[in-house]
N, C-alpha and C. Protein backbone atom coordinates (compact mmCIF):
# COMPACT_ATOMS: atom_id res chain seq x y z
N UNK A 1 -51.07 83.58 -38.82
CA UNK A 1 -51.94 84.75 -38.62
C UNK A 1 -52.21 84.94 -37.15
N UNK A 2 -52.27 86.18 -36.73
CA UNK A 2 -52.50 86.50 -35.32
C UNK A 2 -53.98 86.38 -35.02
N UNK A 3 -54.35 85.49 -34.07
CA UNK A 3 -55.75 85.26 -33.74
C UNK A 3 -56.21 86.21 -32.65
N UNK A 4 -57.39 86.76 -32.82
CA UNK A 4 -57.92 87.77 -31.93
C UNK A 4 -59.00 87.17 -31.04
N UNK A 5 -59.00 87.57 -29.79
CA UNK A 5 -60.09 87.23 -28.89
C UNK A 5 -61.10 88.37 -28.95
N UNK A 6 -62.12 88.22 -29.77
CA UNK A 6 -63.08 89.31 -29.98
C UNK A 6 -63.95 89.55 -28.76
N UNK A 7 -63.90 88.68 -27.76
CA UNK A 7 -64.72 88.87 -26.57
C UNK A 7 -64.15 89.98 -25.67
N UNK A 8 -62.86 90.30 -25.88
CA UNK A 8 -62.24 91.35 -25.07
C UNK A 8 -62.54 92.69 -25.71
N UNK A 9 -63.59 93.37 -25.23
CA UNK A 9 -64.02 94.61 -25.84
C UNK A 9 -63.99 95.79 -24.89
N UNK A 10 -64.40 95.59 -23.66
CA UNK A 10 -64.50 96.69 -22.71
C UNK A 10 -63.25 96.83 -21.87
N UNK A 11 -62.92 98.06 -21.52
CA UNK A 11 -61.74 98.32 -20.71
C UNK A 11 -61.95 97.78 -19.31
N UNK A 12 -61.01 96.98 -18.86
CA UNK A 12 -61.06 96.38 -17.53
C UNK A 12 -59.91 96.99 -16.73
N UNK A 13 -60.17 97.58 -15.57
CA UNK A 13 -59.10 98.23 -14.80
C UNK A 13 -58.02 97.26 -14.36
N UNK A 14 -58.30 95.94 -14.40
CA UNK A 14 -57.30 94.95 -14.00
C UNK A 14 -56.40 94.52 -15.16
N UNK A 15 -56.74 94.97 -16.37
CA UNK A 15 -55.93 94.63 -17.54
C UNK A 15 -54.67 95.50 -17.55
N UNK A 16 -53.56 94.88 -17.89
CA UNK A 16 -52.31 95.62 -17.96
C UNK A 16 -52.41 96.77 -18.96
N UNK A 17 -51.93 97.93 -18.57
CA UNK A 17 -51.96 99.11 -19.43
C UNK A 17 -50.63 99.26 -20.16
N UNK A 18 -50.72 99.56 -21.45
CA UNK A 18 -49.55 99.78 -22.29
C UNK A 18 -49.56 101.24 -22.71
N UNK A 19 -48.50 101.97 -22.38
CA UNK A 19 -48.37 103.36 -22.80
C UNK A 19 -47.45 103.45 -24.00
N UNK A 20 -47.88 104.12 -25.05
CA UNK A 20 -47.07 104.27 -26.26
C UNK A 20 -46.83 105.75 -26.50
N UNK A 21 -45.56 106.12 -26.60
CA UNK A 21 -45.18 107.51 -26.83
C UNK A 21 -44.45 107.60 -28.17
N UNK A 22 -45.12 108.14 -29.14
CA UNK A 22 -44.56 108.24 -30.48
C UNK A 22 -45.08 107.12 -31.37
N UNK A 23 -45.56 107.46 -32.55
CA UNK A 23 -46.12 106.47 -33.46
C UNK A 23 -45.20 106.28 -34.67
N UNK A 24 -44.79 105.03 -34.84
CA UNK A 24 -44.02 104.61 -36.01
C UNK A 24 -44.58 103.27 -36.45
N UNK A 25 -43.97 102.66 -37.43
CA UNK A 25 -44.46 101.38 -37.95
C UNK A 25 -44.52 100.33 -36.85
N UNK A 26 -43.46 100.24 -36.04
CA UNK A 26 -43.41 99.20 -35.02
C UNK A 26 -44.37 99.50 -33.87
N UNK A 27 -44.39 100.73 -33.35
CA UNK A 27 -45.28 101.01 -32.23
C UNK A 27 -46.75 100.92 -32.64
N UNK A 28 -47.06 101.24 -33.89
CA UNK A 28 -48.43 101.09 -34.36
C UNK A 28 -48.82 99.62 -34.42
N UNK A 29 -47.89 98.78 -34.87
CA UNK A 29 -48.17 97.34 -34.91
C UNK A 29 -48.29 96.77 -33.50
N UNK A 30 -47.45 97.24 -32.58
CA UNK A 30 -47.56 96.80 -31.19
C UNK A 30 -48.88 97.25 -30.58
N UNK A 31 -49.33 98.44 -30.93
CA UNK A 31 -50.62 98.93 -30.45
C UNK A 31 -51.74 98.05 -30.96
N UNK A 32 -51.71 97.73 -32.24
CA UNK A 32 -52.75 96.90 -32.85
C UNK A 32 -52.83 95.53 -32.19
N UNK A 33 -51.66 94.91 -32.03
CA UNK A 33 -51.65 93.57 -31.43
C UNK A 33 -52.03 93.61 -29.96
N UNK A 34 -51.62 94.68 -29.27
CA UNK A 34 -51.94 94.80 -27.85
C UNK A 34 -53.44 94.92 -27.64
N UNK A 35 -54.09 95.72 -28.45
CA UNK A 35 -55.55 95.86 -28.36
C UNK A 35 -56.22 94.52 -28.62
N UNK A 36 -55.76 93.82 -29.64
CA UNK A 36 -56.35 92.54 -30.00
C UNK A 36 -56.11 91.48 -28.93
N UNK A 37 -55.01 91.63 -28.20
CA UNK A 37 -54.70 90.67 -27.13
C UNK A 37 -55.43 91.01 -25.82
N UNK A 38 -56.11 92.16 -25.78
CA UNK A 38 -56.90 92.52 -24.61
C UNK A 38 -56.28 93.53 -23.68
N UNK A 39 -55.14 94.10 -24.06
CA UNK A 39 -54.52 95.14 -23.22
C UNK A 39 -55.23 96.48 -23.42
N UNK A 40 -55.11 97.33 -22.44
CA UNK A 40 -55.57 98.71 -22.58
C UNK A 40 -54.38 99.54 -23.05
N UNK A 41 -54.55 100.27 -24.14
CA UNK A 41 -53.46 101.01 -24.75
C UNK A 41 -53.74 102.51 -24.68
N UNK A 42 -52.74 103.24 -24.19
CA UNK A 42 -52.83 104.70 -24.09
C UNK A 42 -51.70 105.30 -24.91
N UNK A 43 -52.05 106.14 -25.87
CA UNK A 43 -51.05 106.66 -26.81
C UNK A 43 -50.92 108.17 -26.68
N UNK A 44 -49.66 108.62 -26.70
CA UNK A 44 -49.37 110.04 -26.85
C UNK A 44 -48.39 110.19 -27.99
N UNK A 45 -48.75 111.02 -28.95
CA UNK A 45 -47.86 111.28 -30.08
C UNK A 45 -47.28 112.69 -29.92
N UNK A 46 -45.99 112.80 -29.57
CA UNK A 46 -45.40 114.12 -29.32
C UNK A 46 -45.55 115.10 -30.47
N UNK A 47 -45.71 114.62 -31.68
CA UNK A 47 -45.88 115.51 -32.83
C UNK A 47 -47.33 115.96 -33.01
N UNK A 48 -48.20 115.46 -32.14
CA UNK A 48 -49.61 115.86 -32.21
C UNK A 48 -50.52 114.66 -32.33
N UNK A 49 -51.44 114.52 -31.38
CA UNK A 49 -52.37 113.39 -31.41
C UNK A 49 -53.30 113.43 -32.61
N UNK A 50 -53.62 114.64 -33.07
CA UNK A 50 -54.54 114.78 -34.19
C UNK A 50 -54.04 114.11 -35.46
N UNK A 51 -52.73 114.03 -35.61
CA UNK A 51 -52.13 113.43 -36.82
C UNK A 51 -52.49 111.96 -36.95
N UNK A 52 -52.63 111.28 -35.81
CA UNK A 52 -52.85 109.83 -35.84
C UNK A 52 -54.24 109.44 -35.34
N UNK A 53 -55.08 110.41 -35.05
CA UNK A 53 -56.38 110.12 -34.43
C UNK A 53 -57.22 109.14 -35.26
N UNK A 54 -57.35 109.40 -36.55
CA UNK A 54 -58.18 108.55 -37.40
C UNK A 54 -57.67 107.11 -37.42
N UNK A 55 -56.36 106.95 -37.52
CA UNK A 55 -55.76 105.61 -37.54
C UNK A 55 -55.99 104.89 -36.22
N UNK A 56 -55.80 105.58 -35.11
CA UNK A 56 -55.94 104.97 -33.80
C UNK A 56 -57.39 104.57 -33.51
N UNK A 57 -58.33 105.40 -33.93
CA UNK A 57 -59.74 105.11 -33.66
C UNK A 57 -60.21 103.84 -34.35
N UNK A 58 -59.52 103.45 -35.42
CA UNK A 58 -59.89 102.23 -36.15
C UNK A 58 -59.43 100.96 -35.44
N UNK A 59 -58.59 101.10 -34.44
CA UNK A 59 -58.01 99.92 -33.79
C UNK A 59 -58.91 99.31 -32.73
N UNK A 60 -59.95 100.02 -32.30
CA UNK A 60 -60.87 99.41 -31.35
C UNK A 60 -61.09 100.25 -30.11
N UNK A 61 -61.95 99.77 -29.20
CA UNK A 61 -62.35 100.54 -28.02
C UNK A 61 -61.37 100.53 -26.86
N UNK A 62 -60.40 99.62 -26.89
CA UNK A 62 -59.45 99.53 -25.77
C UNK A 62 -58.21 100.38 -25.97
N UNK A 63 -58.35 101.44 -26.75
CA UNK A 63 -57.21 102.29 -27.06
C UNK A 63 -57.65 103.75 -27.03
N UNK A 64 -56.79 104.62 -26.55
CA UNK A 64 -57.14 106.03 -26.49
C UNK A 64 -55.91 106.91 -26.69
N UNK A 65 -56.15 108.11 -27.22
CA UNK A 65 -55.13 109.13 -27.31
C UNK A 65 -55.22 110.00 -26.08
N UNK A 66 -54.09 110.33 -25.49
CA UNK A 66 -54.12 111.05 -24.22
C UNK A 66 -52.86 111.90 -24.08
N UNK A 67 -52.75 112.57 -22.94
CA UNK A 67 -51.59 113.40 -22.65
C UNK A 67 -50.37 112.53 -22.37
N UNK A 68 -49.21 113.14 -22.40
CA UNK A 68 -47.97 112.43 -22.08
C UNK A 68 -48.03 111.88 -20.66
N UNK A 69 -48.52 112.66 -19.73
CA UNK A 69 -48.60 112.22 -18.33
C UNK A 69 -49.48 110.99 -18.18
N UNK A 70 -50.61 110.97 -18.88
CA UNK A 70 -51.52 109.82 -18.75
C UNK A 70 -50.92 108.58 -19.39
N UNK A 71 -50.28 108.73 -20.54
CA UNK A 71 -49.65 107.58 -21.19
C UNK A 71 -48.58 106.98 -20.29
N UNK A 72 -47.90 107.84 -19.53
CA UNK A 72 -46.82 107.38 -18.66
C UNK A 72 -47.33 106.71 -17.39
N UNK A 73 -48.63 106.71 -17.17
CA UNK A 73 -49.19 106.00 -16.02
C UNK A 73 -49.21 104.49 -16.25
N UNK A 74 -49.04 104.07 -17.49
CA UNK A 74 -49.08 102.64 -17.83
C UNK A 74 -47.91 101.89 -17.21
N UNK A 75 -48.09 100.58 -17.01
CA UNK A 75 -47.04 99.76 -16.43
C UNK A 75 -45.86 99.56 -17.38
N UNK A 76 -46.16 99.51 -18.67
CA UNK A 76 -45.14 99.27 -19.70
C UNK A 76 -45.20 100.41 -20.70
N UNK A 77 -44.05 101.05 -20.94
CA UNK A 77 -43.99 102.18 -21.87
C UNK A 77 -43.20 101.81 -23.11
N UNK A 78 -43.76 102.10 -24.28
CA UNK A 78 -43.10 101.84 -25.55
C UNK A 78 -42.80 103.18 -26.21
N UNK A 79 -41.54 103.38 -26.59
CA UNK A 79 -41.13 104.67 -27.15
C UNK A 79 -40.73 104.55 -28.60
N UNK A 80 -41.20 105.50 -29.40
CA UNK A 80 -40.66 105.69 -30.75
C UNK A 80 -40.50 107.19 -30.93
N UNK A 81 -39.31 107.68 -30.62
CA UNK A 81 -39.05 109.12 -30.62
C UNK A 81 -37.78 109.37 -31.42
N UNK A 82 -37.84 110.24 -32.43
CA UNK A 82 -36.62 110.56 -33.20
C UNK A 82 -35.51 111.06 -32.27
N UNK A 83 -34.29 110.72 -32.61
CA UNK A 83 -33.15 111.06 -31.76
C UNK A 83 -33.09 112.56 -31.45
N UNK A 84 -33.42 113.40 -32.44
CA UNK A 84 -33.35 114.84 -32.23
C UNK A 84 -34.35 115.34 -31.19
N UNK A 85 -35.44 114.61 -31.01
CA UNK A 85 -36.48 115.02 -30.05
C UNK A 85 -36.43 114.23 -28.76
N UNK A 86 -35.55 113.24 -28.69
CA UNK A 86 -35.55 112.30 -27.58
C UNK A 86 -35.37 112.98 -26.23
N UNK A 87 -34.36 113.82 -26.12
CA UNK A 87 -34.06 114.44 -24.83
C UNK A 87 -35.20 115.32 -24.34
N UNK A 88 -35.76 116.13 -25.24
CA UNK A 88 -36.81 117.05 -24.81
C UNK A 88 -38.07 116.30 -24.36
N UNK A 89 -38.42 115.22 -25.06
CA UNK A 89 -39.61 114.44 -24.69
C UNK A 89 -39.39 113.73 -23.37
N UNK A 90 -38.23 113.09 -23.21
CA UNK A 90 -37.96 112.34 -21.99
C UNK A 90 -37.91 113.24 -20.76
N UNK A 91 -37.40 114.45 -20.94
CA UNK A 91 -37.32 115.38 -19.80
C UNK A 91 -38.70 115.88 -19.37
N UNK A 92 -39.69 115.78 -20.26
CA UNK A 92 -41.05 116.20 -19.93
C UNK A 92 -41.89 115.06 -19.36
N UNK A 93 -41.32 113.85 -19.34
CA UNK A 93 -42.05 112.71 -18.80
C UNK A 93 -42.07 112.76 -17.28
N UNK A 94 -43.16 112.30 -16.66
CA UNK A 94 -43.19 112.23 -15.19
C UNK A 94 -42.28 111.12 -14.69
N UNK A 95 -42.24 110.92 -13.40
CA UNK A 95 -41.36 109.93 -12.79
C UNK A 95 -41.58 108.54 -13.37
N UNK A 96 -40.50 107.90 -13.83
CA UNK A 96 -40.60 106.55 -14.40
C UNK A 96 -39.87 105.52 -13.54
N UNK A 97 -39.68 105.84 -12.28
CA UNK A 97 -38.97 104.93 -11.38
C UNK A 97 -39.62 103.54 -11.37
N UNK A 98 -38.82 102.52 -11.67
CA UNK A 98 -39.28 101.15 -11.62
C UNK A 98 -40.08 100.68 -12.82
N UNK A 99 -40.38 101.58 -13.75
CA UNK A 99 -41.16 101.19 -14.93
C UNK A 99 -40.27 100.56 -15.99
N UNK A 100 -40.87 99.72 -16.82
CA UNK A 100 -40.17 99.17 -17.97
C UNK A 100 -40.41 100.11 -19.14
N UNK A 101 -39.32 100.65 -19.68
CA UNK A 101 -39.40 101.58 -20.81
C UNK A 101 -38.73 100.91 -22.01
N UNK A 102 -39.50 100.69 -23.05
CA UNK A 102 -39.00 99.97 -24.23
C UNK A 102 -38.71 100.96 -25.35
N UNK A 103 -37.44 101.03 -25.72
CA UNK A 103 -36.99 101.93 -26.79
C UNK A 103 -37.00 101.13 -28.09
N UNK A 104 -37.86 101.52 -29.03
CA UNK A 104 -38.03 100.74 -30.26
C UNK A 104 -37.28 101.36 -31.43
N UNK A 105 -36.88 100.48 -32.36
CA UNK A 105 -36.31 100.94 -33.64
C UNK A 105 -36.27 99.75 -34.58
N UNK A 106 -35.95 100.05 -35.84
CA UNK A 106 -35.83 99.00 -36.84
C UNK A 106 -34.37 98.60 -36.98
N UNK A 107 -34.16 97.35 -37.36
CA UNK A 107 -32.82 96.85 -37.62
C UNK A 107 -32.84 96.17 -38.98
N UNK A 108 -32.13 96.77 -39.96
CA UNK A 108 -32.15 96.23 -41.32
C UNK A 108 -31.10 95.13 -41.45
N UNK A 109 -31.53 93.98 -41.94
CA UNK A 109 -30.61 92.86 -42.09
C UNK A 109 -29.87 92.96 -43.42
N UNK A 110 -28.88 93.81 -43.43
CA UNK A 110 -28.01 93.98 -44.58
C UNK A 110 -26.60 93.66 -44.12
N UNK A 111 -26.04 92.53 -44.52
CA UNK A 111 -24.73 92.12 -44.00
C UNK A 111 -23.65 93.19 -44.11
N UNK A 112 -23.72 94.05 -45.16
CA UNK A 112 -22.67 95.05 -45.36
C UNK A 112 -22.77 96.20 -44.36
N UNK A 113 -23.98 96.44 -43.84
CA UNK A 113 -24.14 97.56 -42.90
C UNK A 113 -24.63 97.08 -41.54
N UNK A 114 -24.52 95.76 -41.31
CA UNK A 114 -25.08 95.18 -40.10
C UNK A 114 -24.44 95.71 -38.83
N UNK A 115 -23.11 95.77 -38.80
CA UNK A 115 -22.42 96.21 -37.59
C UNK A 115 -22.84 97.62 -37.20
N UNK A 116 -22.83 98.53 -38.19
CA UNK A 116 -23.23 99.90 -37.87
C UNK A 116 -24.70 99.94 -37.48
N UNK A 117 -25.52 99.05 -38.05
CA UNK A 117 -26.93 99.02 -37.70
C UNK A 117 -27.14 98.69 -36.25
N UNK A 118 -26.38 97.70 -35.74
CA UNK A 118 -26.52 97.31 -34.34
C UNK A 118 -25.95 98.39 -33.42
N UNK A 119 -24.77 98.88 -33.73
CA UNK A 119 -24.14 99.85 -32.83
C UNK A 119 -24.93 101.15 -32.78
N UNK A 120 -25.47 101.57 -33.92
CA UNK A 120 -26.28 102.78 -33.91
C UNK A 120 -27.55 102.58 -33.12
N UNK A 121 -28.08 101.34 -33.17
CA UNK A 121 -29.30 101.06 -32.42
C UNK A 121 -29.06 101.14 -30.93
N UNK A 122 -27.82 101.03 -30.52
CA UNK A 122 -27.52 101.11 -29.09
C UNK A 122 -27.63 102.53 -28.56
N UNK A 123 -28.13 103.45 -29.37
CA UNK A 123 -28.42 104.79 -28.86
C UNK A 123 -29.54 104.75 -27.83
N UNK A 124 -30.14 103.59 -27.65
CA UNK A 124 -31.14 103.46 -26.57
C UNK A 124 -30.49 103.76 -25.22
N UNK A 125 -29.15 103.69 -25.18
CA UNK A 125 -28.46 104.02 -23.93
C UNK A 125 -28.67 105.49 -23.56
N UNK A 126 -28.97 106.32 -24.55
CA UNK A 126 -29.32 107.71 -24.24
C UNK A 126 -30.57 107.74 -23.38
N UNK A 127 -31.54 106.90 -23.74
CA UNK A 127 -32.77 106.80 -22.96
C UNK A 127 -32.46 106.32 -21.55
N UNK A 128 -31.59 105.33 -21.45
CA UNK A 128 -31.22 104.79 -20.13
C UNK A 128 -30.56 105.86 -19.27
N UNK A 129 -29.74 106.70 -19.88
CA UNK A 129 -29.06 107.76 -19.13
C UNK A 129 -30.03 108.84 -18.66
N UNK A 130 -31.03 109.14 -19.49
CA UNK A 130 -31.99 110.18 -19.15
C UNK A 130 -33.08 109.68 -18.20
N UNK A 131 -33.28 108.36 -18.18
CA UNK A 131 -34.27 107.76 -17.28
C UNK A 131 -33.56 106.73 -16.40
N UNK A 132 -32.65 107.16 -15.53
CA UNK A 132 -31.79 106.24 -14.79
C UNK A 132 -32.53 105.33 -13.81
N UNK A 133 -33.75 105.69 -13.40
CA UNK A 133 -34.48 104.87 -12.45
C UNK A 133 -35.49 103.94 -13.11
N UNK A 134 -35.53 103.99 -14.43
CA UNK A 134 -36.40 103.08 -15.19
C UNK A 134 -35.59 101.87 -15.64
N UNK A 135 -36.28 100.80 -16.03
CA UNK A 135 -35.63 99.61 -16.59
C UNK A 135 -35.80 99.69 -18.11
N UNK A 136 -34.74 100.10 -18.79
CA UNK A 136 -34.82 100.36 -20.22
C UNK A 136 -34.51 99.09 -21.02
N UNK A 137 -35.39 98.80 -21.96
CA UNK A 137 -35.25 97.63 -22.84
C UNK A 137 -35.13 98.15 -24.27
N UNK A 138 -34.26 97.54 -25.05
CA UNK A 138 -34.12 97.90 -26.47
C UNK A 138 -34.84 96.85 -27.30
N UNK A 139 -35.75 97.30 -28.16
CA UNK A 139 -36.51 96.38 -29.01
C UNK A 139 -36.19 96.65 -30.47
N UNK A 140 -35.72 95.62 -31.16
CA UNK A 140 -35.36 95.73 -32.58
C UNK A 140 -36.44 95.09 -33.43
N UNK A 141 -36.88 95.81 -34.43
CA UNK A 141 -37.83 95.26 -35.38
C UNK A 141 -37.07 94.79 -36.61
N UNK A 142 -37.05 93.48 -36.90
CA UNK A 142 -36.31 93.01 -38.07
C UNK A 142 -37.00 93.41 -39.37
N UNK A 143 -36.31 94.22 -40.16
CA UNK A 143 -36.82 94.64 -41.46
C UNK A 143 -35.96 93.98 -42.52
N UNK A 144 -36.53 93.04 -43.24
CA UNK A 144 -35.75 92.32 -44.24
C UNK A 144 -35.81 93.05 -45.57
N UNK A 145 -34.72 92.96 -46.34
CA UNK A 145 -34.59 93.76 -47.55
C UNK A 145 -35.31 93.14 -48.74
N UNK A 146 -35.58 91.83 -48.68
CA UNK A 146 -36.32 91.23 -49.77
C UNK A 146 -37.58 90.57 -49.23
N UNK A 147 -38.63 90.59 -50.03
CA UNK A 147 -39.88 89.96 -49.61
C UNK A 147 -39.69 88.46 -49.53
N UNK A 148 -40.37 87.84 -48.53
CA UNK A 148 -40.21 86.42 -48.36
C UNK A 148 -41.58 85.79 -48.15
N UNK A 149 -41.71 84.58 -48.64
CA UNK A 149 -42.97 83.85 -48.50
C UNK A 149 -42.88 82.94 -47.29
N UNK A 150 -43.30 83.48 -46.14
CA UNK A 150 -43.23 82.72 -44.90
C UNK A 150 -44.52 81.95 -44.69
N UNK A 151 -44.43 80.78 -44.02
CA UNK A 151 -45.64 80.03 -43.70
C UNK A 151 -46.59 80.91 -42.88
N UNK A 152 -47.88 80.76 -43.13
CA UNK A 152 -48.88 81.60 -42.47
C UNK A 152 -48.79 81.52 -40.96
N UNK A 153 -48.51 80.33 -40.41
CA UNK A 153 -48.52 80.12 -38.98
C UNK A 153 -47.20 80.48 -38.31
N UNK A 154 -46.18 80.87 -39.08
CA UNK A 154 -44.89 81.19 -38.49
C UNK A 154 -44.96 82.53 -37.76
N UNK A 155 -44.46 82.56 -36.52
CA UNK A 155 -44.48 83.79 -35.74
C UNK A 155 -43.42 84.77 -36.23
N UNK A 156 -43.75 86.04 -36.14
CA UNK A 156 -42.77 87.07 -36.48
C UNK A 156 -41.71 87.12 -35.39
N UNK A 157 -40.46 87.19 -35.80
CA UNK A 157 -39.37 87.27 -34.84
C UNK A 157 -39.05 88.73 -34.54
N UNK A 158 -38.69 88.97 -33.28
CA UNK A 158 -38.35 90.31 -32.84
C UNK A 158 -37.24 90.17 -31.81
N UNK A 159 -36.32 91.13 -31.75
CA UNK A 159 -35.13 91.02 -30.91
C UNK A 159 -35.15 92.08 -29.81
N UNK A 160 -34.62 91.74 -28.66
CA UNK A 160 -34.56 92.73 -27.59
C UNK A 160 -33.30 92.56 -26.75
N UNK A 161 -32.94 93.65 -26.06
CA UNK A 161 -31.80 93.67 -25.15
C UNK A 161 -32.28 94.27 -23.84
N UNK A 162 -31.99 93.61 -22.73
CA UNK A 162 -32.39 94.14 -21.42
C UNK A 162 -31.38 93.68 -20.38
N UNK A 163 -31.08 94.56 -19.43
CA UNK A 163 -30.15 94.20 -18.35
C UNK A 163 -30.89 93.66 -17.13
N UNK A 164 -32.06 94.17 -16.87
CA UNK A 164 -32.80 93.84 -15.66
C UNK A 164 -33.55 92.52 -15.85
N UNK A 165 -33.32 91.55 -14.98
CA UNK A 165 -33.85 90.20 -15.17
C UNK A 165 -35.37 90.16 -15.20
N UNK A 166 -36.02 90.88 -14.30
CA UNK A 166 -37.49 90.87 -14.28
C UNK A 166 -38.05 91.53 -15.54
N UNK A 167 -37.35 92.56 -16.02
CA UNK A 167 -37.79 93.23 -17.24
C UNK A 167 -37.71 92.29 -18.43
N UNK A 168 -36.66 91.48 -18.47
CA UNK A 168 -36.52 90.49 -19.55
C UNK A 168 -37.71 89.56 -19.57
N UNK A 169 -38.07 89.04 -18.41
CA UNK A 169 -39.17 88.10 -18.32
C UNK A 169 -40.49 88.74 -18.72
N UNK A 170 -40.73 89.96 -18.24
CA UNK A 170 -41.99 90.63 -18.53
C UNK A 170 -42.11 91.00 -20.01
N UNK A 171 -41.00 91.47 -20.61
CA UNK A 171 -41.09 91.84 -22.02
C UNK A 171 -41.24 90.59 -22.89
N UNK A 172 -40.59 89.49 -22.50
CA UNK A 172 -40.76 88.24 -23.24
C UNK A 172 -42.20 87.77 -23.19
N UNK A 173 -42.79 87.80 -22.00
CA UNK A 173 -44.18 87.36 -21.85
C UNK A 173 -45.13 88.27 -22.62
N UNK A 174 -44.87 89.56 -22.57
CA UNK A 174 -45.71 90.51 -23.30
C UNK A 174 -45.65 90.25 -24.80
N UNK A 175 -44.43 90.12 -25.34
CA UNK A 175 -44.28 89.89 -26.77
C UNK A 175 -44.86 88.54 -27.19
N UNK A 176 -44.72 87.56 -26.33
CA UNK A 176 -45.31 86.24 -26.61
C UNK A 176 -46.82 86.35 -26.70
N UNK A 177 -47.42 87.15 -25.82
CA UNK A 177 -48.87 87.31 -25.85
C UNK A 177 -49.34 88.01 -27.12
N UNK A 178 -48.42 88.70 -27.81
CA UNK A 178 -48.74 89.36 -29.08
C UNK A 178 -48.40 88.47 -30.27
N UNK A 179 -48.06 87.23 -29.98
CA UNK A 179 -47.75 86.23 -31.00
C UNK A 179 -46.42 86.50 -31.72
N UNK A 180 -45.48 87.12 -31.00
CA UNK A 180 -44.11 87.28 -31.51
C UNK A 180 -43.24 86.15 -30.96
N UNK A 181 -42.21 85.84 -31.69
CA UNK A 181 -41.13 85.00 -31.18
C UNK A 181 -40.02 85.95 -30.75
N UNK A 182 -39.90 86.17 -29.43
CA UNK A 182 -38.97 87.17 -28.89
C UNK A 182 -37.60 86.55 -28.66
N UNK A 183 -36.58 87.15 -29.24
CA UNK A 183 -35.21 86.63 -29.15
C UNK A 183 -34.37 87.59 -28.32
N UNK A 184 -33.82 87.09 -27.23
CA UNK A 184 -33.05 87.89 -26.29
C UNK A 184 -31.58 87.93 -26.71
N UNK A 185 -31.09 89.12 -27.06
CA UNK A 185 -29.69 89.30 -27.44
C UNK A 185 -28.84 89.82 -26.29
N UNK A 186 -29.42 89.92 -25.10
CA UNK A 186 -28.74 90.57 -23.98
C UNK A 186 -27.39 89.96 -23.66
N UNK A 187 -27.32 88.65 -23.56
CA UNK A 187 -26.08 88.00 -23.15
C UNK A 187 -25.03 88.02 -24.23
N UNK A 188 -25.45 88.22 -25.46
CA UNK A 188 -24.52 88.15 -26.58
C UNK A 188 -24.06 89.51 -27.07
N UNK A 189 -24.39 90.53 -26.34
CA UNK A 189 -23.96 91.86 -26.73
C UNK A 189 -23.23 92.51 -25.56
N UNK A 190 -22.17 93.21 -25.83
CA UNK A 190 -21.38 93.84 -24.78
C UNK A 190 -22.02 95.17 -24.42
N UNK A 191 -22.45 95.28 -23.17
CA UNK A 191 -23.09 96.50 -22.73
C UNK A 191 -22.08 97.60 -22.36
N UNK A 192 -20.85 97.20 -22.15
CA UNK A 192 -19.87 98.19 -21.70
C UNK A 192 -19.48 99.18 -22.79
N UNK A 193 -19.76 98.82 -24.05
CA UNK A 193 -19.43 99.70 -25.16
C UNK A 193 -20.40 99.48 -26.28
N UNK A 194 -20.04 99.96 -27.46
CA UNK A 194 -20.95 99.82 -28.59
C UNK A 194 -20.51 98.69 -29.52
N UNK A 195 -19.43 98.00 -29.17
CA UNK A 195 -18.96 96.94 -30.06
C UNK A 195 -19.80 95.70 -29.90
N UNK A 196 -20.32 95.18 -30.99
CA UNK A 196 -21.15 93.98 -30.94
C UNK A 196 -20.28 92.73 -30.85
N UNK A 197 -20.77 91.75 -30.14
CA UNK A 197 -20.10 90.47 -30.02
C UNK A 197 -20.08 89.79 -31.40
N UNK A 198 -18.92 89.26 -31.83
CA UNK A 198 -18.84 88.62 -33.15
C UNK A 198 -19.84 87.48 -33.33
N UNK A 199 -20.16 86.78 -32.25
CA UNK A 199 -21.12 85.69 -32.36
C UNK A 199 -22.50 86.21 -32.76
N UNK A 200 -22.85 87.40 -32.26
CA UNK A 200 -24.13 88.00 -32.63
C UNK A 200 -24.12 88.37 -34.11
N UNK A 201 -22.99 88.98 -34.54
CA UNK A 201 -22.88 89.36 -35.94
C UNK A 201 -23.03 88.13 -36.83
N UNK A 202 -22.37 87.04 -36.46
CA UNK A 202 -22.42 85.83 -37.26
C UNK A 202 -23.83 85.27 -37.31
N UNK A 203 -24.51 85.23 -36.14
CA UNK A 203 -25.84 84.63 -36.09
C UNK A 203 -26.86 85.45 -36.86
N UNK A 204 -26.73 86.78 -36.82
CA UNK A 204 -27.70 87.61 -37.52
C UNK A 204 -27.40 87.66 -39.02
N UNK A 205 -26.12 87.58 -39.38
CA UNK A 205 -25.79 87.52 -40.81
C UNK A 205 -26.41 86.28 -41.44
N UNK A 206 -26.50 85.23 -40.62
CA UNK A 206 -27.05 83.96 -41.12
C UNK A 206 -28.50 83.80 -40.70
N UNK A 207 -29.19 84.91 -40.50
CA UNK A 207 -30.61 84.89 -40.15
C UNK A 207 -31.36 84.10 -41.22
N UNK A 208 -32.14 83.08 -40.85
CA UNK A 208 -32.75 82.20 -41.83
C UNK A 208 -33.75 82.90 -42.74
N UNK A 209 -33.64 82.61 -44.01
CA UNK A 209 -34.60 83.13 -44.97
C UNK A 209 -35.79 82.19 -45.05
N UNK A 210 -36.91 82.74 -45.47
CA UNK A 210 -38.13 81.93 -45.57
C UNK A 210 -37.98 80.82 -46.58
N UNK A 211 -38.54 79.66 -46.23
CA UNK A 211 -38.43 78.51 -47.13
C UNK A 211 -39.63 78.44 -48.07
């Protein structure tokens, strides 16, 4: 279970700011954990902030709904934007030079569709092309097809791909602070194309089931 520091209640200007653009299952969970870990979270939902206002207000005082420009002021940006809307939203974002931009999506562990699942997830390269001066990280949320009885204390595993060394370290530390076990697939995936390394396919096909 994720333990919360309830003493972290008021917004501190020295606390790292997390900007979230687009609300989905993963970004909502990242928002929840970030607030509980003491980060300041700024959310913009391109489909309308009013749609998620009630849900966001329940997460605590260190979170707010704001404009796209304000959300982009954060040091770390988390994106959940449908592919059809991706280009229009990214083109409306202010300068992201030097920022870490995390493109989120789910990855279903189905051996029969695993290869296409990974290669399709590499559409995060669209984000990298549209934000060439940002450090783009791909974050995969493992969605398992069958329910599993995991030990209460076992950390949730999450996968990411990043080219920039400092970005790798920062995203690992961030995810660790949210009580995730962050697994770096960067070295085991070919960035030059969409073909996944066979070793990655083998390791994910044999992803351990709960005991």
